[in-house]
């Protein structure tokens, strides 16, 4: 590790993080109520239809972000896209207050459209603010990731509670208001102009290779994460029913976020002063993932109450793994891309993850019947990728040394 000198976070970090936190609170809060609203007394949908619409919503966000990124990078600019996207998303939340199928579909369409404009462009602008101090990229995106987790956690608790207690329309209104508030910090922020950004000195071949490796590696991580989590969720359901440690039932589903917060803070502080390569962090992420899933093997198929602590230790290592993976992909893309097309690249980063998850999803029936199999596949897969990253780091160091020696 190397010490980071003369590089500091700025007020732009605060503005973008607050905006992202409020947007995630609005989105996850509204999403918490959506299925309950659709099957409730107003629309009276069948469970299967409501779940189908919910799946359509989450899947379509991946593709709407590509459209939003293209508009942001090529036509209207990233900052305008964020603001327009926030307004459209807010109108979508308000439209859900119309007690009809038309109101539902109009609202969902606008939420998808607005989110597609908002997400890749705010990530792009956040990253570009660090392009003259790239050693802080990892720390910066971890701050951003912490804001996302805090926003989703608070949105689920606040909007979920208000919607179920006072009516779903109240929850949707609160979601829309939070969405409008989320664009206020964007007006205060300064957008980094391309002529203010230092030229990327990495060879084009190295930039393309690093981006491709990051795409594939992170996509595989979430694929292994998903199939292994079949066992994790199975344990969660069982332990939430028998545990006496005092964790409320509604917090079990968000317990990973409780670990994410302190680990993020530690990472933010450490990575603000000490620098190591992004691929080294990815490697550590896979190692901690293997440890997390390995710990779950200590829990029998039918757990007892004393296994709760073992389960929580596994979640702790999983959270450490996640912190070394998720923020770092955006850091790598920002560092090695052409900043003029950064939002487009960020929007495409969701595709490998989606495609790999769909591929693994073909075997879900077998994995649900045998959750331990998913755990084994996750451990073996993460181990192989971790070893591969070690080799990639060694090769990169040798190449860098040889190039410097020749120079």
Protein backbone atom coordinates (compact mmCIF):
# COMPACT_ATOMS: atom_id res chain seq x y z
CA UNK A 1 0.00 0.00 0.00
CA UNK A 2 1.08 3.58 -0.68
CA UNK A 3 0.24 6.75 1.21
CA UNK A 4 -2.14 9.16 -0.54
CA UNK A 5 -0.90 12.75 -0.38
CA UNK A 6 -2.42 16.07 -1.49
CA UNK A 7 -5.73 14.51 -2.55
CA UNK A 8 -8.96 15.25 -0.68
CA UNK A 9 -12.68 14.69 -1.08
CA UNK A 10 -14.65 17.82 -1.95
CA UNK A 11 -18.14 19.18 -1.38
CA UNK A 12 -19.16 17.60 -4.70
CA UNK A 13 -18.83 14.22 -2.99
CA UNK A 14 -21.31 15.32 -0.36
CA UNK A 15 -23.80 16.75 -2.88
CA UNK A 16 -23.84 13.68 -5.11
CA UNK A 17 -23.97 11.27 -2.15
CA UNK A 18 -26.94 13.04 -0.56
CA UNK A 19 -28.73 13.07 -3.90
CA UNK A 20 -28.11 9.36 -4.45
CA UNK A 21 -29.17 8.49 -0.90
CA UNK A 22 -32.50 10.32 -1.24
CA UNK A 23 -33.16 8.83 -4.69
CA UNK A 24 -32.54 5.30 -3.39
CA UNK A 25 -34.78 5.96 -0.37
CA UNK A 26 -37.55 7.07 -2.75
CA UNK A 27 -37.08 4.11 -5.10
CA UNK A 28 -36.79 1.32 -2.53
CA UNK A 29 -39.57 2.79 -0.42
CA UNK A 30 -41.94 2.82 -3.38
CA UNK A 31 -40.82 -0.69 -4.39
CA UNK A 32 -41.54 -2.02 -0.91
CA UNK A 33 -45.20 -1.02 -1.27
CA UNK A 34 -45.69 -1.94 -4.92
CA UNK A 35 -46.72 -5.60 -4.71
CA UNK A 36 -48.82 -4.97 -1.60
CA UNK A 37 -50.60 -2.17 -3.46
CA UNK A 38 -51.25 -4.29 -6.54
CA UNK A 39 -52.77 -7.21 -4.62
CA UNK A 40 -54.65 -4.91 -2.23
CA UNK A 41 -58.23 -3.70 -2.28
CA UNK A 42 -57.69 -1.05 -4.98
CA UNK A 43 -56.40 -3.15 -7.90
CA UNK A 44 -57.10 -6.67 -6.55
CA UNK A 45 -54.52 -8.39 -8.74
CA UNK A 46 -53.59 -12.04 -8.46
CA UNK A 47 -50.26 -12.67 -6.74
CA UNK A 48 -48.72 -14.13 -9.90
CA UNK A 49 -49.64 -11.08 -12.00
CA UNK A 50 -48.33 -8.65 -9.38
CA UNK A 51 -45.03 -10.50 -9.05
CA UNK A 52 -44.72 -10.63 -12.86
CA UNK A 53 -45.10 -6.84 -13.07
CA UNK A 54 -42.58 -6.41 -10.25
CA UNK A 55 -40.04 -8.60 -12.09
CA UNK A 56 -40.67 -6.62 -15.30
CA UNK A 57 -39.98 -3.40 -13.41
CA UNK A 58 -36.62 -4.51 -12.01
CA UNK A 59 -35.51 -6.11 -15.29
CA UNK A 60 -36.42 -3.12 -17.46
CA UNK A 61 -34.29 -0.78 -15.34
CA UNK A 62 -31.14 -2.38 -16.76
CA UNK A 63 -32.10 -1.42 -20.31
CA UNK A 64 -33.55 1.99 -19.47
CA UNK A 65 -30.17 2.95 -18.05
CA UNK A 66 -28.53 2.31 -21.41
CA UNK A 67 -31.01 4.70 -23.05
CA UNK A 68 -30.49 7.26 -20.28
CA UNK A 69 -26.72 7.03 -20.60
CA UNK A 70 -26.84 7.51 -24.37
CA UNK A 71 -28.99 10.62 -23.93
CA UNK A 72 -26.74 11.94 -21.17
CA UNK A 73 -23.41 11.40 -22.92
CA UNK A 74 -24.42 12.21 -26.50
CA UNK A 75 -27.38 14.61 -26.45
CA UNK A 76 -28.53 16.53 -23.38
CA UNK A 77 -25.60 16.25 -20.97
CA UNK A 78 -25.18 14.28 -17.74
CA UNK A 79 -26.31 16.97 -15.30
CA UNK A 80 -29.51 17.78 -17.20
CA UNK A 81 -30.23 14.05 -17.47
CA UNK A 82 -29.99 13.65 -13.70
CA UNK A 83 -32.40 16.53 -13.07
CA UNK A 84 -34.88 15.50 -15.77
CA UNK A 85 -34.69 11.88 -14.61
CA UNK A 86 -35.42 12.86 -11.02
CA UNK A 87 -38.46 14.91 -12.02
CA UNK A 88 -39.83 12.13 -14.25
CA UNK A 89 -39.32 9.56 -11.50
CA UNK A 90 -41.17 11.80 -9.03
CA UNK A 91 -44.10 12.21 -11.45
CA UNK A 92 -44.13 8.43 -11.78
CA UNK A 93 -44.44 7.98 -8.02
CA UNK A 94 -47.27 10.55 -7.88
CA UNK A 95 -49.02 8.78 -10.80
CA UNK A 96 -49.27 5.62 -8.72
CA UNK A 97 -51.73 7.50 -6.51
CA UNK A 98 -54.24 7.27 -9.38
CA UNK A 99 -56.34 4.26 -8.25
CA UNK A 100 -56.44 2.42 -11.56
CA UNK A 101 -54.49 0.12 -13.87
CA UNK A 102 -53.73 3.14 -16.08
CA UNK A 103 -52.22 4.97 -13.10
CA UNK A 104 -50.16 1.89 -12.24
CA UNK A 105 -48.66 1.39 -15.69
CA UNK A 106 -48.13 5.11 -16.27
CA UNK A 107 -46.38 5.41 -12.92
CA UNK A 108 -44.13 2.40 -13.49
CA UNK A 109 -43.21 3.53 -17.00
CA UNK A 110 -42.19 6.97 -15.72
CA UNK A 111 -40.25 5.51 -12.79
CA UNK A 112 -38.31 3.25 -15.18
CA UNK A 113 -37.66 6.10 -17.62
CA UNK A 114 -36.62 8.54 -14.88
CA UNK A 115 -34.40 6.02 -13.14
CA UNK A 116 -32.71 5.21 -16.44
CA UNK A 117 -31.80 8.87 -16.89
CA UNK A 118 -30.81 9.43 -13.27
CA UNK A 119 -28.60 6.46 -12.31
CA UNK A 120 -25.82 6.16 -14.96
CA UNK A 121 -25.45 9.93 -15.27
CA UNK A 122 -25.07 10.62 -11.56
CA UNK A 123 -22.53 7.79 -11.26
CA UNK A 124 -20.66 9.22 -14.25
CA UNK A 125 -20.58 12.77 -12.90
CA UNK A 126 -19.52 11.53 -9.48
CA UNK A 127 -16.65 9.56 -10.99
CA UNK A 128 -15.49 12.40 -13.23
CA UNK A 129 -15.13 14.61 -10.14
CA UNK A 130 -12.26 12.29 -9.12
CA UNK A 131 -10.40 11.97 -12.41
CA UNK A 132 -7.68 14.40 -11.35
CA UNK A 133 -7.18 12.48 -8.09
CA UNK A 134 -7.69 8.87 -9.13
CA UNK A 135 -6.14 7.37 -5.97
CA UNK A 136 -9.25 8.54 -4.11
CA UNK A 137 -11.64 6.83 -6.54
CA UNK A 138 -12.07 3.71 -4.39
CA UNK A 139 -12.77 5.72 -1.26
CA UNK A 140 -15.08 8.07 -3.14
CA UNK A 141 -17.21 5.32 -4.65
CA UNK A 142 -17.37 3.61 -1.25
CA UNK A 143 -18.86 6.82 0.16
CA UNK A 144 -21.33 6.69 -2.72
CA UNK A 145 -22.11 3.03 -2.00
CA UNK A 146 -22.65 3.79 1.69
CA UNK A 147 -25.13 6.50 0.68
CA UNK A 148 -27.00 3.98 -1.51
CA UNK A 149 -27.28 1.46 1.33
CA UNK A 150 -28.37 4.07 3.87
CA UNK A 151 -30.96 5.39 1.44
CA UNK A 152 -32.44 1.98 0.63
CA UNK A 153 -32.51 0.98 4.30
CA UNK A 154 -34.18 4.21 5.44
CA UNK A 155 -36.59 4.23 2.49
CA UNK A 156 -37.79 0.71 3.22
CA UNK A 157 -38.30 1.53 6.90
CA UNK A 158 -39.84 5.00 6.52
CA UNK A 159 -41.95 4.72 3.37
CA UNK A 160 -42.82 1.09 4.07
CA UNK A 161 -44.09 2.01 7.52
CA UNK A 162 -46.01 5.11 6.39
CA UNK A 163 -47.54 3.32 3.42
CA UNK A 164 -48.75 0.34 5.42
CA UNK A 165 -49.93 2.48 8.33
CA UNK A 166 -51.59 5.44 6.59
CA UNK A 167 -52.27 4.13 3.09
CA UNK A 168 -50.21 3.28 0.05
CA UNK A 169 -50.91 6.63 -1.62
CA UNK A 170 -49.17 8.37 1.31
CA UNK A 171 -46.12 6.18 0.73
CA UNK A 172 -46.08 6.98 -2.99
CA UNK A 173 -46.43 10.73 -2.31
CA UNK A 174 -43.52 10.63 0.17
CA UNK A 175 -41.47 8.73 -2.41
CA UNK A 176 -42.17 11.41 -5.04
CA UNK A 177 -41.32 14.23 -2.64
CA UNK A 178 -38.01 12.57 -1.69
CA UNK A 179 -37.23 12.17 -5.38
CA UNK A 180 -37.76 15.88 -5.99
CA UNK A 181 -35.62 16.78 -2.98
CA UNK A 182 -32.87 14.49 -4.29
CA UNK A 183 -32.19 16.73 -7.29
CA UNK A 184 -31.63 19.83 -5.12
CA UNK A 185 -27.96 18.98 -4.38
CA UNK A 186 -27.38 18.50 -8.11
CA UNK A 187 -28.22 22.18 -8.71
CA UNK A 188 -25.55 23.07 -6.14
CA UNK A 189 -22.89 20.79 -7.66
CA UNK A 190 -20.39 21.79 -10.31
CA UNK A 191 -20.11 19.52 -13.33
CA UNK A 192 -16.54 18.64 -14.29
CA UNK A 193 -15.79 19.86 -17.81
CA UNK A 194 -13.86 17.51 -20.08
CA UNK A 195 -11.13 20.09 -20.66
CA UNK A 196 -10.51 20.18 -16.89
CA UNK A 197 -9.78 16.45 -16.72
CA UNK A 198 -6.20 15.21 -17.04
CA UNK A 199 -5.61 13.05 -20.11
CA UNK A 200 -5.68 9.30 -19.52
CA UNK A 201 -2.08 8.10 -19.91
CA UNK A 202 -2.80 4.36 -19.97
CA UNK A 203 -2.37 2.56 -23.34
CA UNK A 204 -5.68 1.83 -25.04
CA UNK A 205 -5.00 -1.94 -24.99
CA UNK A 206 -4.50 -1.91 -21.21
CA UNK A 207 -7.60 0.19 -20.66
CA UNK A 208 -9.79 -2.15 -22.74
CA UNK A 209 -8.36 -5.27 -21.07
CA UNK A 210 -8.84 -3.92 -17.54
CA UNK A 211 -12.43 -2.91 -18.29
CA UNK A 212 -13.26 -6.30 -19.84
CA UNK A 213 -11.72 -8.19 -16.91
CA UNK A 214 -13.66 -6.03 -14.45
CA UNK A 215 -16.93 -6.59 -16.36
CA UNK A 216 -16.54 -10.38 -16.38
CA UNK A 217 -15.18 -10.73 -12.84
CA UNK A 218 -17.88 -8.60 -11.21
CA UNK A 219 -20.61 -10.26 -13.26
CA UNK A 220 -19.41 -13.68 -12.08
CA UNK A 221 -19.21 -12.46 -8.48
CA UNK A 222 -22.90 -11.52 -8.46
CA UNK A 223 -23.79 -14.75 -10.26
CA UNK A 224 -22.04 -16.85 -7.60
CA UNK A 225 -23.46 -14.56 -4.92
CA UNK A 226 -27.00 -15.20 -6.16
CA UNK A 227 -26.86 -18.98 -6.32
CA UNK A 228 -25.06 -19.21 -2.97
CA UNK A 229 -27.61 -16.91 -1.39
CA UNK A 230 -30.29 -19.53 -1.90
CA UNK A 231 -28.74 -21.24 1.12
CA UNK A 232 -28.24 -17.91 2.91
CA UNK A 233 -31.90 -16.92 2.55
CA UNK A 234 -32.99 -20.41 3.61
CA UNK A 235 -30.99 -20.02 6.83
CA UNK A 236 -32.32 -16.51 7.31
CA UNK A 237 -35.91 -17.72 7.28
CA UNK A 238 -35.20 -20.57 9.67
CA UNK A 239 -33.10 -18.57 12.12
CA UNK A 240 -35.49 -15.60 12.20
CA UNK A 241 -38.15 -17.95 13.55
CA UNK A 242 -36.07 -19.61 16.27
CA UNK A 243 -33.54 -16.94 17.27
CA UNK A 244 -33.91 -15.15 20.62
CA UNK A 245 -31.15 -12.54 20.13
CA UNK A 246 -33.74 -9.79 19.80
CA UNK A 247 -33.51 -8.93 16.08
CA UNK A 248 -37.01 -7.88 14.89
CA UNK A 249 -38.38 -9.99 12.04
CA UNK A 250 -38.55 -7.06 9.59
CA UNK A 251 -34.83 -6.31 10.13
CA UNK A 252 -33.62 -9.78 9.18
CA UNK A 253 -33.96 -8.95 5.47
CA UNK A 254 -31.88 -5.78 5.91
CA UNK A 255 -29.32 -7.19 8.32
CA UNK A 256 -26.61 -7.18 5.64
CA UNK A 257 -26.96 -3.38 5.42
CA UNK A 258 -26.29 -3.13 9.16
CA UNK A 259 -22.88 -4.73 8.53
CA UNK A 260 -22.25 -2.71 5.37
CA UNK A 261 -22.39 0.64 7.20
CA UNK A 262 -19.48 0.23 9.68
CA UNK A 263 -17.36 -1.69 7.16
CA UNK A 264 -17.91 1.07 4.59
CA UNK A 265 -16.82 3.71 7.09
CA UNK A 266 -13.63 1.77 7.87
CA UNK A 267 -12.91 1.32 4.15
CA UNK A 268 -13.59 4.99 3.39
CA UNK A 269 -11.15 6.17 6.07
CA UNK A 270 -8.47 3.61 5.15
CA UNK A 271 -8.71 4.15 1.39
CA UNK A 272 -8.63 7.94 1.82
CA UNK A 273 -5.08 7.67 3.17
CA UNK A 274 -3.72 4.37 1.82
CA UNK A 275 -3.83 3.26 -1.81
CA UNK A 276 -3.74 -0.23 -3.30
CA UNK A 277 -4.78 -1.30 -6.79
CA UNK A 278 -8.41 -1.93 -7.67
CA UNK A 279 -7.67 -5.48 -8.82
CA UNK A 280 -6.00 -6.26 -5.49
CA UNK A 281 -9.21 -5.18 -3.77
CA UNK A 282 -11.28 -7.34 -6.13
CA UNK A 283 -9.07 -10.29 -5.25
CA UNK A 284 -9.64 -9.67 -1.53
CA UNK A 285 -13.37 -9.45 -2.23
CA UNK A 286 -13.39 -12.97 -3.66
CA UNK A 287 -11.26 -14.31 -0.79
CA UNK A 288 -13.67 -12.89 1.79
CA UNK A 289 -16.58 -14.28 -0.25
CA UNK A 290 -15.08 -17.78 -0.09
CA UNK A 291 -14.60 -17.42 3.69
CA UNK A 292 -18.20 -16.26 4.10
CA UNK A 293 -19.68 -19.20 2.22
CA UNK A 294 -17.24 -21.62 3.85
CA UNK A 295 -18.48 -20.58 7.29
CA UNK A 296 -22.01 -21.53 6.28
CA UNK A 297 -20.84 -25.16 5.98
CA UNK A 298 -20.48 -25.15 9.77
CA UNK A 299 -24.28 -24.82 10.01
CA UNK A 300 -26.30 -28.04 9.57
CA UNK A 301 -29.16 -28.23 7.10
CA UNK A 302 -31.62 -27.69 9.96
CA UNK A 303 -29.98 -25.05 12.18
CA UNK A 304 -30.38 -24.58 15.91
CA UNK A 305 -30.47 -21.28 17.79
CA UNK A 306 -26.75 -21.42 18.64
CA UNK A 307 -25.96 -21.24 14.92
CA UNK A 308 -27.28 -17.66 14.73
CA UNK A 309 -23.89 -16.20 15.66
CA UNK A 310 -22.16 -18.36 13.03
CA UNK A 311 -24.63 -17.10 10.44
CA UNK A 312 -24.04 -13.47 11.43
CA UNK A 313 -20.25 -13.95 11.20
CA UNK A 314 -20.76 -15.27 7.67
CA UNK A 315 -22.79 -12.17 6.80
CA UNK A 316 -20.01 -9.99 8.21
CA UNK A 317 -17.46 -11.52 5.85
CA UNK A 318 -19.95 -11.30 3.00
CA UNK A 319 -20.35 -7.57 3.66
CA UNK A 320 -16.55 -7.14 3.65
CA UNK A 321 -16.49 -9.02 0.34
CA UNK A 322 -19.20 -6.78 -1.12
CA UNK A 323 -17.36 -3.59 -0.15
CA UNK A 324 -14.26 -4.84 -2.00
CA UNK A 325 -16.29 -5.56 -5.14
CA UNK A 326 -19.24 -3.26 -5.81
CA UNK A 327 -17.72 0.24 -5.44
CA UNK A 328 -14.53 -0.90 -7.15
CA UNK A 329 -16.15 -1.76 -10.50
CA UNK A 330 -17.20 1.88 -10.92
CA UNK A 331 -13.76 2.98 -9.83
CA UNK A 332 -12.13 0.84 -12.53
CA UNK A 333 -14.53 2.00 -15.24
CA UNK A 334 -13.96 5.64 -14.31
CA UNK A 335 -10.18 5.30 -14.21
CA UNK A 336 -9.71 3.51 -17.53
CA UNK A 337 -12.57 4.81 -19.69
CA UNK A 338 -12.93 7.81 -21.96
CA UNK A 339 -14.79 10.26 -19.65
CA UNK A 340 -16.81 11.52 -22.59
CA UNK A 341 -18.62 8.15 -22.74
CA UNK A 342 -18.42 7.14 -19.08
CA UNK A 343 -22.18 7.02 -18.45
CA UNK A 344 -22.62 4.67 -21.42
CA UNK A 345 -19.92 2.36 -20.13
CA UNK A 346 -21.43 2.38 -16.64
CA UNK A 347 -24.84 1.49 -18.03
CA UNK A 348 -23.32 -1.45 -19.93
CA UNK A 349 -21.66 -2.74 -16.76
CA UNK A 350 -25.05 -4.01 -15.62
CA UNK A 351 -25.38 -6.31 -18.65
CA UNK A 352 -22.75 -8.98 -17.82
CA UNK A 353 -24.18 -9.28 -14.31
CA UNK A 354 -27.68 -9.60 -15.71
CA UNK A 355 -26.73 -12.14 -18.38
CA UNK A 356 -24.68 -14.28 -15.99
CA UNK A 357 -27.49 -14.21 -13.43
CA UNK A 358 -29.96 -15.31 -16.12
CA UNK A 359 -27.63 -18.15 -17.07
CA UNK A 360 -27.31 -19.34 -13.49
CA UNK A 361 -31.06 -18.88 -13.10
CA UNK A 362 -31.65 -21.77 -15.51
CA UNK A 363 -30.54 -24.11 -12.71
CA UNK A 364 -32.56 -22.49 -9.93
CA UNK A 365 -34.95 -25.45 -9.56
CA UNK A 366 -32.07 -27.83 -8.81
CA UNK A 367 -30.43 -25.31 -6.50
CA UNK A 368 -33.61 -24.70 -4.52
CA UNK A 369 -33.94 -28.45 -4.06
CA UNK A 370 -30.31 -28.64 -2.93
CA UNK A 371 -29.16 -25.26 -1.53
CA UNK A 372 -25.80 -26.71 -0.43
CA UNK A 373 -24.97 -27.33 -4.11
CA UNK A 374 -25.25 -23.60 -4.82
CA UNK A 375 -22.91 -22.94 -1.91
CA UNK A 376 -20.34 -25.41 -3.27
CA UNK A 377 -20.53 -23.86 -6.76
CA UNK A 378 -20.11 -20.39 -5.23
CA UNK A 379 -17.02 -21.41 -3.23
CA UNK A 380 -15.36 -23.21 -6.14
CA UNK A 381 -16.18 -20.42 -8.59
CA UNK A 382 -14.99 -17.62 -6.31
CA UNK A 383 -11.79 -19.54 -5.52
CA UNK A 384 -10.99 -19.94 -9.22
CA UNK A 385 -11.66 -16.25 -9.94
CA UNK A 386 -9.60 -15.22 -6.89
CA UNK A 387 -6.63 -17.27 -8.09
CA UNK A 388 -7.07 -15.84 -11.58
CA UNK A 389 -6.96 -12.30 -10.19
CA UNK A 390 -3.74 -13.09 -8.32
CA UNK A 391 -2.20 -14.14 -11.64
CA UNK A 392 -3.54 -11.03 -13.38
CA UNK A 393 -2.05 -8.76 -10.70
CA UNK A 394 1.35 -10.47 -10.99
CA UNK A 395 1.34 -10.18 -14.79
CA UNK A 396 0.35 -6.50 -14.58
CA UNK A 397 3.16 -5.76 -12.14
CA UNK A 398 5.74 -7.50 -14.34
CA UNK A 399 4.49 -5.62 -17.41
CA UNK A 400 4.60 -2.28 -15.57
CA UNK A 401 8.11 -3.03 -14.26
CA UNK A 402 9.41 -4.05 -17.71
CA UNK A 403 7.90 -0.95 -19.36
CA UNK A 404 9.43 1.30 -16.73
CA UNK A 405 12.79 -0.49 -17.01
CA UNK A 406 12.85 -0.04 -20.79
CA UNK A 407 11.98 3.64 -20.44
